[in-house]
Amino acid sequence: MKNIFILVIGVLFSFAVQATDQDVSDLRKLLDATKSLQGNFVQSLYDESKELQEETKGKFMMMRPRKFYWETIEPMPQVLVSNDKEIWLYDPDLETATVRPFTDDLQQAPALILSENVDELRKQFSVTSKKENSTQTFTLIPKVSDGLFQQLLLVFDKGILTEFSMESNDGQATRSVLSNVKVNQTLPEEKFYFQVPAGVEVTRQ
């Protein structure tokens, strides 16, 4: 199953830097303060030449730990639902759904990284940060080079996640800009457990 979060933005990095205590501490505070997140997104997909290939729009919900709902509305409807047991990808037009177990390798999907404990991130990634006015950008680089991506950027504005972008190992890239973001609202638990509509063909991997 292709994961829409595995694509990334910019050129590939060939180096890594070690996290400082302050970087990890800052990231811990921001993520620990975010129990849930919801809003709208615009996601841009680039090829290895940085040419824009596709732009999608939709809405999302995230709740720690490991629960994520990502609904693409334009240009084609699609729903990605994850929890700590399964990940579902649903295509309404084709009336198909694919499901696979939530496994350790899927923890490297950026959407799920946002839901993980920072201590676990520190084991798997080198972390640095940069501050500019009210914005703080964190750069996460996997310590294992054969991971799903080479770099992940998390951008917070006034303590709220507003953007994340990724560089994949094949040179492709995505940039996801979030808007109308609401933090720590009560979210419907059922959103993170996909209910198969009547007539939908299910493939298990």
N, C-alpha and C. Protein backbone atom coordinates (compact mmCIF):
# COMPACT_ATOMS: atom_id res chain seq x y z
N MET A 1 0.83 -1.19 0.00
CA MET A 1 0.00 0.00 0.00
C MET A 1 0.87 1.24 0.00
N LYS A 2 0.61 2.12 -0.95
CA LYS A 2 1.37 3.36 -0.97
C LYS A 2 0.86 4.28 0.13
N ASN A 3 1.78 4.93 0.81
CA ASN A 3 1.42 5.88 1.85
C ASN A 3 1.63 7.28 1.31
N ILE A 4 0.60 8.13 1.36
CA ILE A 4 0.69 9.45 0.76
C ILE A 4 1.63 10.37 1.51
N PHE A 5 2.14 9.94 2.66
CA PHE A 5 3.04 10.78 3.44
C PHE A 5 4.51 10.47 3.20
N ILE A 6 4.80 9.50 2.32
CA ILE A 6 6.18 9.09 2.14
C ILE A 6 6.94 9.99 1.18
N LEU A 7 6.25 10.82 0.43
CA LEU A 7 6.90 11.73 -0.51
C LEU A 7 7.34 12.99 0.22
N VAL A 8 8.37 13.68 -0.29
CA VAL A 8 9.00 14.76 0.46
C VAL A 8 9.39 15.92 -0.42
N ILE A 9 9.84 17.05 0.21
CA ILE A 9 10.11 18.27 -0.53
C ILE A 9 11.59 18.63 -0.52
N GLY A 10 12.11 19.18 -1.64
CA GLY A 10 13.49 19.67 -1.69
C GLY A 10 14.48 18.63 -2.17
N VAL A 11 15.76 18.96 -2.08
CA VAL A 11 16.82 18.04 -2.49
C VAL A 11 17.19 17.10 -1.36
N LEU A 12 17.83 15.97 -1.72
CA LEU A 12 18.19 14.98 -0.71
C LEU A 12 19.40 15.43 0.10
N PHE A 13 19.38 15.12 1.38
CA PHE A 13 20.51 15.42 2.26
C PHE A 13 21.39 14.19 2.39
N SER A 14 22.66 14.38 2.40
CA SER A 14 23.58 13.25 2.53
C SER A 14 24.34 13.26 3.84
N PHE A 15 23.89 14.12 4.76
CA PHE A 15 24.58 14.17 6.05
C PHE A 15 23.54 14.16 7.17
N ALA A 16 24.01 13.87 8.40
CA ALA A 16 23.15 13.89 9.57
C ALA A 16 23.86 14.63 10.69
N VAL A 17 23.06 15.24 11.57
CA VAL A 17 23.61 15.93 12.74
C VAL A 17 22.96 15.36 13.98
N GLN A 18 23.65 15.45 15.09
CA GLN A 18 23.12 14.91 16.33
C GLN A 18 22.23 15.92 17.05
N ALA A 19 21.23 15.38 17.74
CA ALA A 19 20.30 16.24 18.48
C ALA A 19 20.98 16.86 19.69
N THR A 20 20.57 18.07 20.02
CA THR A 20 20.99 18.67 21.27
C THR A 20 19.88 18.49 22.29
N ASP A 21 20.22 18.58 23.57
CA ASP A 21 19.22 18.43 24.61
C ASP A 21 18.12 19.46 24.46
N GLN A 22 18.47 20.67 24.05
CA GLN A 22 17.47 21.72 23.92
C GLN A 22 16.51 21.43 22.76
N ASP A 23 17.02 20.94 21.65
CA ASP A 23 16.16 20.60 20.51
C ASP A 23 15.12 19.55 20.90
N VAL A 24 15.58 18.49 21.54
CA VAL A 24 14.68 17.42 21.95
C VAL A 24 13.70 17.92 23.00
N SER A 25 14.18 18.73 23.91
CA SER A 25 13.31 19.29 24.95
C SER A 25 12.21 20.16 24.35
N ASP A 26 12.58 20.99 23.37
CA ASP A 26 11.60 21.87 22.72
C ASP A 26 10.55 21.05 21.97
N LEU A 27 11.01 20.02 21.24
CA LEU A 27 10.08 19.19 20.50
C LEU A 27 9.18 18.42 21.44
N ARG A 28 9.75 17.92 22.52
CA ARG A 28 8.95 17.19 23.52
C ARG A 28 7.83 18.08 24.05
N LYS A 29 8.14 19.30 24.40
CA LYS A 29 7.12 20.19 24.96
C LYS A 29 5.99 20.45 23.98
N LEU A 30 6.34 20.66 22.71
CA LEU A 30 5.32 20.95 21.71
C LEU A 30 4.43 19.74 21.43
N LEU A 31 5.04 18.56 21.29
CA LEU A 31 4.25 17.36 21.01
C LEU A 31 3.47 16.90 22.23
N ASP A 32 4.09 16.99 23.41
CA ASP A 32 3.38 16.59 24.62
C ASP A 32 2.17 17.47 24.89
N ALA A 33 2.24 18.72 24.46
CA ALA A 33 1.12 19.65 24.64
C ALA A 33 0.02 19.42 23.62
N THR A 34 0.30 18.61 22.60
CA THR A 34 -0.67 18.36 21.54
C THR A 34 -1.25 16.96 21.70
N LYS A 35 -2.41 16.88 22.31
CA LYS A 35 -3.07 15.59 22.49
C LYS A 35 -3.91 15.23 21.26
N SER A 36 -4.45 16.25 20.61
CA SER A 36 -5.21 16.03 19.39
C SER A 36 -5.05 17.23 18.48
N LEU A 37 -5.29 17.01 17.19
CA LEU A 37 -5.10 18.06 16.19
C LEU A 37 -6.10 17.81 15.07
N GLN A 38 -6.70 18.88 14.56
CA GLN A 38 -7.59 18.73 13.41
C GLN A 38 -7.58 20.02 12.59
N GLY A 39 -7.93 19.90 11.31
CA GLY A 39 -7.94 21.07 10.46
C GLY A 39 -8.01 20.68 9.00
N ASN A 40 -7.59 21.59 8.14
CA ASN A 40 -7.56 21.37 6.70
C ASN A 40 -6.11 21.28 6.23
N PHE A 41 -5.91 20.70 5.04
CA PHE A 41 -4.56 20.62 4.50
C PHE A 41 -4.56 20.89 3.01
N VAL A 42 -3.41 21.37 2.53
CA VAL A 42 -3.09 21.41 1.11
C VAL A 42 -1.75 20.70 0.97
N GLN A 43 -1.73 19.62 0.21
CA GLN A 43 -0.51 18.83 0.07
C GLN A 43 -0.01 18.89 -1.37
N SER A 44 1.26 19.26 -1.53
CA SER A 44 1.87 19.40 -2.85
C SER A 44 2.92 18.31 -3.04
N LEU A 45 2.84 17.64 -4.19
CA LEU A 45 3.76 16.56 -4.53
C LEU A 45 4.72 17.04 -5.62
N TYR A 46 6.04 16.82 -5.39
CA TYR A 46 7.07 17.24 -6.34
C TYR A 46 7.87 16.03 -6.79
N ASP A 47 8.38 16.10 -8.02
CA ASP A 47 9.27 15.05 -8.48
C ASP A 47 10.71 15.39 -8.09
N GLU A 48 11.66 14.55 -8.55
CA GLU A 48 13.06 14.75 -8.17
C GLU A 48 13.66 16.02 -8.75
N SER A 49 12.98 16.63 -9.74
CA SER A 49 13.44 17.90 -10.32
C SER A 49 12.74 19.11 -9.69
N LYS A 50 12.00 18.86 -8.61
CA LYS A 50 11.26 19.89 -7.88
C LYS A 50 10.09 20.46 -8.67
N GLU A 51 9.65 19.74 -9.69
CA GLU A 51 8.50 20.16 -10.46
C GLU A 51 7.22 19.68 -9.77
N LEU A 52 6.25 20.59 -9.64
CA LEU A 52 4.99 20.24 -9.00
C LEU A 52 4.24 19.23 -9.86
N GLN A 53 3.89 18.08 -9.26
CA GLN A 53 3.21 17.03 -9.97
C GLN A 53 1.72 16.95 -9.63
N GLU A 54 1.39 17.27 -8.39
CA GLU A 54 0.01 17.10 -7.95
C GLU A 54 -0.23 17.94 -6.71
N GLU A 55 -1.46 18.42 -6.59
CA GLU A 55 -1.85 19.13 -5.38
C GLU A 55 -3.20 18.59 -4.92
N THR A 56 -3.27 18.22 -3.65
CA THR A 56 -4.50 17.69 -3.09
C THR A 56 -4.94 18.52 -1.89
N LYS A 57 -6.25 18.50 -1.64
CA LYS A 57 -6.81 19.27 -0.53
C LYS A 57 -7.78 18.39 0.24
N GLY A 58 -7.87 18.66 1.54
CA GLY A 58 -8.79 17.88 2.34
C GLY A 58 -8.77 18.28 3.79
N LYS A 59 -9.13 17.33 4.66
CA LYS A 59 -9.18 17.60 6.09
C LYS A 59 -8.58 16.42 6.85
N PHE A 60 -8.16 16.67 8.08
CA PHE A 60 -7.48 15.64 8.85
C PHE A 60 -7.85 15.74 10.33
N MET A 61 -7.61 14.63 11.03
CA MET A 61 -7.70 14.56 12.49
C MET A 61 -6.55 13.70 12.98
N MET A 62 -5.96 14.06 14.10
CA MET A 62 -4.91 13.26 14.71
C MET A 62 -5.14 13.22 16.21
N MET A 63 -4.96 12.04 16.79
CA MET A 63 -5.08 11.90 18.25
C MET A 63 -4.01 10.95 18.73
N ARG A 64 -3.24 11.36 19.71
CA ARG A 64 -2.20 10.51 20.25
C ARG A 64 -2.82 9.44 21.13
N PRO A 65 -2.25 8.21 21.12
CA PRO A 65 -1.11 7.82 20.27
C PRO A 65 -1.57 7.09 19.01
N ARG A 66 -0.93 7.33 17.89
CA ARG A 66 -1.02 6.53 16.67
C ARG A 66 -2.39 6.52 16.00
N LYS A 67 -3.17 7.55 16.18
CA LYS A 67 -4.47 7.59 15.52
C LYS A 67 -4.50 8.76 14.55
N PHE A 68 -4.87 8.46 13.30
CA PHE A 68 -4.81 9.48 12.27
C PHE A 68 -5.91 9.27 11.24
N TYR A 69 -6.58 10.36 10.85
CA TYR A 69 -7.63 10.34 9.83
C TYR A 69 -7.30 11.42 8.81
N TRP A 70 -7.07 11.02 7.57
CA TRP A 70 -6.63 11.94 6.51
C TRP A 70 -7.57 11.76 5.33
N GLU A 71 -8.42 12.74 5.06
CA GLU A 71 -9.42 12.63 4.00
C GLU A 71 -9.10 13.61 2.88
N THR A 72 -8.75 13.07 1.71
CA THR A 72 -8.53 13.89 0.53
C THR A 72 -9.88 14.13 -0.15
N ILE A 73 -10.17 15.40 -0.42
CA ILE A 73 -11.43 15.78 -1.05
C ILE A 73 -11.23 16.16 -2.52
N GLU A 74 -10.17 16.91 -2.80
CA GLU A 74 -9.84 17.32 -4.17
C GLU A 74 -8.41 16.89 -4.51
N PRO A 75 -8.15 16.48 -5.76
CA PRO A 75 -9.10 16.36 -6.88
C PRO A 75 -9.87 15.05 -6.89
N MET A 76 -9.40 14.03 -6.16
CA MET A 76 -10.07 12.73 -6.11
C MET A 76 -10.25 12.33 -4.66
N PRO A 77 -11.44 11.87 -4.27
CA PRO A 77 -11.66 11.49 -2.88
C PRO A 77 -10.87 10.25 -2.49
N GLN A 78 -10.33 10.28 -1.29
CA GLN A 78 -9.59 9.14 -0.74
C GLN A 78 -9.49 9.33 0.77
N VAL A 79 -9.52 8.24 1.51
CA VAL A 79 -9.47 8.32 2.97
C VAL A 79 -8.40 7.37 3.48
N LEU A 80 -7.54 7.88 4.36
CA LEU A 80 -6.54 7.07 5.06
C LEU A 80 -6.85 7.12 6.54
N VAL A 81 -7.04 5.96 7.15
CA VAL A 81 -7.39 5.87 8.57
C VAL A 81 -6.39 4.96 9.25
N SER A 82 -5.83 5.41 10.38
CA SER A 82 -4.85 4.59 11.09
C SER A 82 -5.11 4.60 12.58
N ASN A 83 -4.75 3.49 13.21
CA ASN A 83 -4.71 3.38 14.67
C ASN A 83 -3.57 2.44 15.01
N ASP A 84 -3.50 1.99 16.23
CA ASP A 84 -2.35 1.17 16.62
C ASP A 84 -2.49 -0.29 16.21
N LYS A 85 -3.56 -0.62 15.46
CA LYS A 85 -3.76 -2.00 15.03
C LYS A 85 -3.76 -2.14 13.51
N GLU A 86 -4.41 -1.20 12.80
CA GLU A 86 -4.57 -1.32 11.36
C GLU A 86 -4.43 0.03 10.67
N ILE A 87 -4.13 -0.03 9.37
CA ILE A 87 -4.14 1.15 8.52
C ILE A 87 -5.02 0.84 7.31
N TRP A 88 -6.01 1.68 7.07
CA TRP A 88 -6.94 1.51 5.97
C TRP A 88 -6.75 2.61 4.93
N LEU A 89 -6.83 2.24 3.64
CA LEU A 89 -6.84 3.19 2.54
C LEU A 89 -8.09 2.91 1.72
N TYR A 90 -8.98 3.91 1.65
CA TYR A 90 -10.29 3.73 1.02
C TYR A 90 -10.43 4.65 -0.18
N ASP A 91 -10.83 4.07 -1.32
CA ASP A 91 -11.07 4.82 -2.54
C ASP A 91 -12.56 4.74 -2.87
N PRO A 92 -13.33 5.80 -2.57
CA PRO A 92 -14.79 5.76 -2.79
C PRO A 92 -15.16 5.56 -4.26
N ASP A 93 -14.43 6.18 -5.20
CA ASP A 93 -14.78 6.07 -6.61
C ASP A 93 -14.64 4.64 -7.11
N LEU A 94 -13.57 3.97 -6.70
CA LEU A 94 -13.34 2.59 -7.12
C LEU A 94 -14.07 1.58 -6.25
N GLU A 95 -14.61 2.05 -5.14
CA GLU A 95 -15.28 1.19 -4.17
C GLU A 95 -14.37 0.07 -3.70
N THR A 96 -13.13 0.46 -3.37
CA THR A 96 -12.15 -0.50 -2.87
C THR A 96 -11.51 0.04 -1.59
N ALA A 97 -11.07 -0.87 -0.74
CA ALA A 97 -10.36 -0.51 0.48
C ALA A 97 -9.24 -1.51 0.71
N THR A 98 -8.09 -1.01 1.12
CA THR A 98 -6.94 -1.86 1.43
C THR A 98 -6.61 -1.70 2.90
N VAL A 99 -6.34 -2.81 3.58
CA VAL A 99 -6.02 -2.76 5.00
C VAL A 99 -4.77 -3.59 5.26
N ARG A 100 -3.93 -3.10 6.13
CA ARG A 100 -2.75 -3.84 6.55
C ARG A 100 -2.52 -3.61 8.03
N PRO A 101 -1.81 -4.51 8.69
CA PRO A 101 -1.54 -4.33 10.12
C PRO A 101 -0.64 -3.12 10.36
N PHE A 102 -0.81 -2.50 11.51
CA PHE A 102 0.12 -1.45 11.92
C PHE A 102 1.38 -2.15 12.44
N THR A 103 2.50 -1.95 11.72
CA THR A 103 3.75 -2.60 12.09
C THR A 103 4.83 -1.57 12.33
N ASP A 104 5.97 -2.02 12.83
CA ASP A 104 7.05 -1.10 13.21
C ASP A 104 7.52 -0.25 12.04
N ASP A 105 7.55 -0.82 10.82
CA ASP A 105 8.05 -0.05 9.69
C ASP A 105 7.14 1.13 9.37
N LEU A 106 5.85 0.99 9.69
CA LEU A 106 4.92 2.08 9.42
C LEU A 106 5.05 3.22 10.42
N GLN A 107 5.78 3.00 11.50
CA GLN A 107 6.00 4.09 12.44
C GLN A 107 6.85 5.20 11.83
N GLN A 108 7.50 4.91 10.70
CA GLN A 108 8.30 5.93 10.06
C GLN A 108 7.48 6.81 9.14
N ALA A 109 6.19 6.51 8.94
CA ALA A 109 5.33 7.41 8.18
C ALA A 109 5.16 8.69 8.99
N PRO A 110 5.42 9.84 8.40
CA PRO A 110 5.38 11.10 9.15
C PRO A 110 4.10 11.35 9.92
N ALA A 111 2.97 10.98 9.36
CA ALA A 111 1.72 11.20 10.08
C ALA A 111 1.72 10.45 11.41
N LEU A 112 2.34 9.28 11.42
CA LEU A 112 2.40 8.50 12.65
C LEU A 112 3.51 9.00 13.56
N ILE A 113 4.56 9.54 12.99
CA ILE A 113 5.62 10.12 13.81
C ILE A 113 5.06 11.23 14.68
N LEU A 114 4.12 11.99 14.14
CA LEU A 114 3.53 13.08 14.91
C LEU A 114 2.81 12.56 16.14
N SER A 115 2.46 11.29 16.12
CA SER A 115 1.72 10.72 17.23
C SER A 115 2.59 9.95 18.21
N GLU A 116 3.88 9.86 17.93
CA GLU A 116 4.77 9.04 18.74
C GLU A 116 5.39 9.81 19.91
N ASN A 117 5.85 9.07 20.89
CA ASN A 117 6.57 9.65 22.01
C ASN A 117 7.92 10.19 21.55
N VAL A 118 8.30 11.35 22.03
CA VAL A 118 9.54 11.99 21.59
C VAL A 118 10.76 11.15 21.94
N ASP A 119 10.71 10.41 23.05
CA ASP A 119 11.85 9.56 23.41
C ASP A 119 12.12 8.53 22.32
N GLU A 120 11.07 7.98 21.72
CA GLU A 120 11.24 7.03 20.64
C GLU A 120 11.79 7.71 19.40
N LEU A 121 11.36 8.93 19.15
CA LEU A 121 11.90 9.68 18.02
C LEU A 121 13.40 9.90 18.17
N ARG A 122 13.83 10.17 19.39
CA ARG A 122 15.25 10.43 19.64
C ARG A 122 16.11 9.21 19.33
N LYS A 123 15.55 8.02 19.57
CA LYS A 123 16.28 6.79 19.27
C LYS A 123 16.46 6.61 17.76
N GLN A 124 15.47 7.04 17.00
CA GLN A 124 15.47 6.75 15.57
C GLN A 124 15.95 7.91 14.70
N PHE A 125 15.98 9.15 15.25
CA PHE A 125 16.27 10.31 14.43
C PHE A 125 17.24 11.27 15.10
N SER A 126 18.02 11.95 14.27
CA SER A 126 18.78 13.10 14.71
C SER A 126 17.88 14.33 14.56
N VAL A 127 17.88 15.21 15.55
CA VAL A 127 16.93 16.32 15.58
C VAL A 127 17.67 17.64 15.75
N THR A 128 17.38 18.62 14.92
CA THR A 128 17.87 19.98 15.10
C THR A 128 16.69 20.93 14.92
N SER A 129 16.84 22.16 15.40
CA SER A 129 15.75 23.12 15.27
C SER A 129 16.29 24.51 14.95
N LYS A 130 15.40 25.32 14.39
CA LYS A 130 15.72 26.69 14.04
C LYS A 130 14.53 27.57 14.38
N LYS A 131 14.78 28.69 15.08
CA LYS A 131 13.73 29.61 15.46
C LYS A 131 13.80 30.88 14.63
N GLU A 132 12.63 31.38 14.24
CA GLU A 132 12.53 32.65 13.54
C GLU A 132 11.22 33.31 13.92
N ASN A 133 11.31 34.35 14.73
CA ASN A 133 10.13 35.03 15.28
C ASN A 133 9.26 34.02 16.02
N SER A 134 7.99 33.86 15.61
CA SER A 134 7.09 32.94 16.32
C SER A 134 7.15 31.53 15.77
N THR A 135 8.01 31.31 14.77
CA THR A 135 8.07 30.02 14.08
C THR A 135 9.29 29.21 14.53
N GLN A 136 9.09 27.92 14.76
CA GLN A 136 10.19 27.02 15.07
C GLN A 136 10.11 25.81 14.16
N THR A 137 11.21 25.54 13.44
CA THR A 137 11.27 24.43 12.49
C THR A 137 12.20 23.34 13.01
N PHE A 138 11.70 22.11 13.07
CA PHE A 138 12.49 20.97 13.50
C PHE A 138 12.83 20.10 12.30
N THR A 139 14.08 19.71 12.20
CA THR A 139 14.54 18.81 11.14
C THR A 139 14.86 17.46 11.75
N LEU A 140 14.20 16.41 11.26
CA LEU A 140 14.44 15.05 11.73
C LEU A 140 15.05 14.24 10.60
N ILE A 141 16.21 13.64 10.86
CA ILE A 141 16.90 12.81 9.88
C ILE A 141 17.06 11.40 10.46
N PRO A 142 16.57 10.38 9.74
CA PRO A 142 16.68 9.01 10.26
C PRO A 142 18.13 8.61 10.48
N LYS A 143 18.37 7.91 11.57
CA LYS A 143 19.71 7.42 11.85
C LYS A 143 20.02 6.16 11.04
N VAL A 144 19.00 5.51 10.52
CA VAL A 144 19.17 4.35 9.65
C VAL A 144 18.87 4.80 8.23
N SER A 145 19.83 4.63 7.33
CA SER A 145 19.73 5.22 5.99
C SER A 145 18.74 4.50 5.08
N ASP A 146 18.31 3.29 5.43
CA ASP A 146 17.39 2.56 4.57
C ASP A 146 15.93 2.75 4.97
N GLY A 147 15.62 3.85 5.67
CA GLY A 147 14.26 4.14 6.08
C GLY A 147 13.42 4.60 4.91
N LEU A 148 12.18 5.00 5.19
CA LEU A 148 11.25 5.39 4.15
C LEU A 148 11.50 6.78 3.61
N PHE A 149 12.19 7.62 4.38
CA PHE A 149 12.48 8.97 3.89
C PHE A 149 13.80 9.45 4.46
N GLN A 150 14.34 10.50 3.86
CA GLN A 150 15.64 11.02 4.27
C GLN A 150 15.54 12.18 5.24
N GLN A 151 14.44 12.91 5.18
CA GLN A 151 14.32 14.08 6.06
C GLN A 151 12.86 14.44 6.25
N LEU A 152 12.55 14.85 7.47
CA LEU A 152 11.23 15.34 7.81
C LEU A 152 11.35 16.68 8.50
N LEU A 153 10.58 17.66 8.05
CA LEU A 153 10.53 18.96 8.69
C LEU A 153 9.17 19.16 9.35
N LEU A 154 9.18 19.61 10.59
CA LEU A 154 7.96 19.97 11.30
C LEU A 154 8.04 21.46 11.63
N VAL A 155 7.04 22.20 11.21
CA VAL A 155 7.02 23.64 11.42
C VAL A 155 5.89 24.00 12.39
N PHE A 156 6.25 24.67 13.47
CA PHE A 156 5.29 25.12 14.46
C PHE A 156 5.25 26.64 14.47
N ASP A 157 4.05 27.20 14.51
CA ASP A 157 3.88 28.64 14.63
C ASP A 157 3.09 28.91 15.91
N LYS A 158 3.73 29.63 16.83
CA LYS A 158 3.13 29.90 18.14
C LYS A 158 2.70 28.61 18.83
N GLY A 159 3.53 27.58 18.66
CA GLY A 159 3.31 26.31 19.34
C GLY A 159 2.35 25.36 18.65
N ILE A 160 1.82 25.74 17.48
CA ILE A 160 0.86 24.89 16.76
C ILE A 160 1.48 24.41 15.46
N LEU A 161 1.35 23.12 15.19
CA LEU A 161 1.88 22.56 13.95
C LEU A 161 1.13 23.16 12.76
N THR A 162 1.86 23.77 11.83
CA THR A 162 1.25 24.40 10.67
C THR A 162 1.75 23.86 9.34
N GLU A 163 2.82 23.04 9.38
CA GLU A 163 3.36 22.53 8.12
C GLU A 163 4.28 21.36 8.41
N PHE A 164 4.30 20.37 7.52
CA PHE A 164 5.36 19.38 7.54
C PHE A 164 5.71 19.01 6.11
N SER A 165 6.98 18.73 5.89
CA SER A 165 7.44 18.38 4.56
C SER A 165 8.47 17.27 4.66
N MET A 166 8.58 16.51 3.57
CA MET A 166 9.41 15.31 3.59
C MET A 166 10.21 15.14 2.33
N GLU A 167 11.38 14.55 2.46
CA GLU A 167 12.21 14.16 1.33
C GLU A 167 12.32 12.64 1.32
N SER A 168 11.93 12.03 0.22
CA SER A 168 11.97 10.57 0.15
C SER A 168 13.29 10.10 -0.41
N ASN A 169 13.54 8.81 -0.27
CA ASN A 169 14.80 8.25 -0.76
C ASN A 169 14.89 8.20 -2.27
N ASP A 170 13.77 8.34 -2.98
CA ASP A 170 13.81 8.32 -4.44
C ASP A 170 13.83 9.71 -5.04
N GLY A 171 13.96 10.75 -4.20
CA GLY A 171 14.07 12.11 -4.70
C GLY A 171 12.77 12.86 -4.81
N GLN A 172 11.65 12.19 -4.60
CA GLN A 172 10.37 12.88 -4.62
C GLN A 172 10.15 13.61 -3.31
N ALA A 173 9.12 14.47 -3.29
CA ALA A 173 8.92 15.30 -2.12
C ALA A 173 7.46 15.68 -1.94
N THR A 174 7.07 15.92 -0.69
CA THR A 174 5.76 16.48 -0.40
C THR A 174 5.89 17.63 0.58
N ARG A 175 4.96 18.55 0.48
CA ARG A 175 4.84 19.63 1.45
C ARG A 175 3.37 19.75 1.83
N SER A 176 3.08 19.61 3.11
CA SER A 176 1.71 19.68 3.60
C SER A 176 1.55 20.92 4.47
N VAL A 177 0.69 21.84 4.03
CA VAL A 177 0.42 23.07 4.76
C VAL A 177 -0.95 22.94 5.43
N LEU A 178 -0.98 23.15 6.73
CA LEU A 178 -2.20 22.99 7.52
C LEU A 178 -2.85 24.34 7.79
N SER A 179 -4.17 24.36 7.83
CA SER A 179 -4.90 25.60 8.11
C SER A 179 -6.11 25.30 8.98
N ASN A 180 -6.68 26.35 9.57
CA ASN A 180 -7.83 26.20 10.47
C ASN A 180 -7.56 25.12 11.53
N VAL A 181 -6.34 25.12 12.03
CA VAL A 181 -5.92 24.08 12.96
C VAL A 181 -6.50 24.32 14.36
N LYS A 182 -7.08 23.26 14.91
CA LYS A 182 -7.61 23.28 16.27
C LYS A 182 -6.87 22.24 17.09
N VAL A 183 -6.45 22.64 18.27
CA VAL A 183 -5.64 21.78 19.13
C VAL A 183 -6.43 21.34 20.35
N ASN A 184 -6.28 20.06 20.68
CA ASN A 184 -6.83 19.48 21.91
C ASN A 184 -8.35 19.61 22.02
N GLN A 185 -9.02 19.48 20.87
CA GLN A 185 -10.47 19.37 20.86
C GLN A 185 -10.86 17.91 21.05
N THR A 186 -12.06 17.66 21.53
CA THR A 186 -12.55 16.29 21.64
C THR A 186 -12.89 15.76 20.26
N LEU A 187 -12.28 14.64 19.87
CA LEU A 187 -12.49 14.07 18.55
C LEU A 187 -13.29 12.78 18.66
N PRO A 188 -14.12 12.49 17.64
CA PRO A 188 -14.91 11.25 17.66
C PRO A 188 -14.02 10.02 17.50
N GLU A 189 -14.00 9.15 18.47
CA GLU A 189 -13.15 7.96 18.47
C GLU A 189 -13.40 7.08 17.24
N GLU A 190 -14.65 7.04 16.79
CA GLU A 190 -14.99 6.15 15.67
C GLU A 190 -14.33 6.55 14.36
N LYS A 191 -13.86 7.79 14.25
CA LYS A 191 -13.19 8.23 13.03
C LYS A 191 -11.91 7.43 12.76
N PHE A 192 -11.32 6.87 13.79
CA PHE A 192 -10.04 6.18 13.66
C PHE A 192 -10.20 4.67 13.49
N TYR A 193 -11.44 4.23 13.33
CA TYR A 193 -11.73 2.81 13.11
C TYR A 193 -12.66 2.71 11.90
N PHE A 194 -12.08 2.35 10.76
CA PHE A 194 -12.79 2.40 9.50
C PHE A 194 -13.94 1.40 9.45
N GLN A 195 -15.10 1.89 9.05
CA GLN A 195 -16.27 1.05 8.85
C GLN A 195 -16.46 0.86 7.35
N VAL A 196 -16.41 -0.38 6.89
CA VAL A 196 -16.48 -0.66 5.46
C VAL A 196 -17.89 -0.41 4.93
N PRO A 197 -18.03 0.49 3.96
CA PRO A 197 -19.36 0.73 3.37
C PRO A 197 -19.84 -0.50 2.60
N ALA A 198 -21.14 -0.63 2.46
CA ALA A 198 -21.72 -1.74 1.71
C ALA A 198 -21.23 -1.72 0.27
N GLY A 199 -20.87 -2.90 -0.25
CA GLY A 199 -20.46 -3.02 -1.64
C GLY A 199 -18.99 -2.74 -1.91
N VAL A 200 -18.22 -2.38 -0.87
CA VAL A 200 -16.80 -2.07 -1.05
C VAL A 200 -15.96 -3.35 -0.99
N GLU A 201 -15.08 -3.52 -1.97
CA GLU A 201 -14.19 -4.68 -2.00
C GLU A 201 -12.97 -4.41 -1.13
N VAL A 202 -12.67 -5.33 -0.20
CA VAL A 202 -11.58 -5.16 0.75
C VAL A 202 -10.43 -6.11 0.41
N THR A 203 -9.21 -5.54 0.35
CA THR A 203 -7.99 -6.33 0.14
C THR A 203 -7.14 -6.25 1.38
N ARG A 204 -6.75 -7.39 1.92
CA ARG A 204 -5.89 -7.41 3.10
C ARG A 204 -4.47 -7.74 2.71
N GLN A 205 -3.51 -7.00 3.27
CA GLN A 205 -2.10 -7.21 2.95
C GLN A 205 -1.36 -7.75 4.15
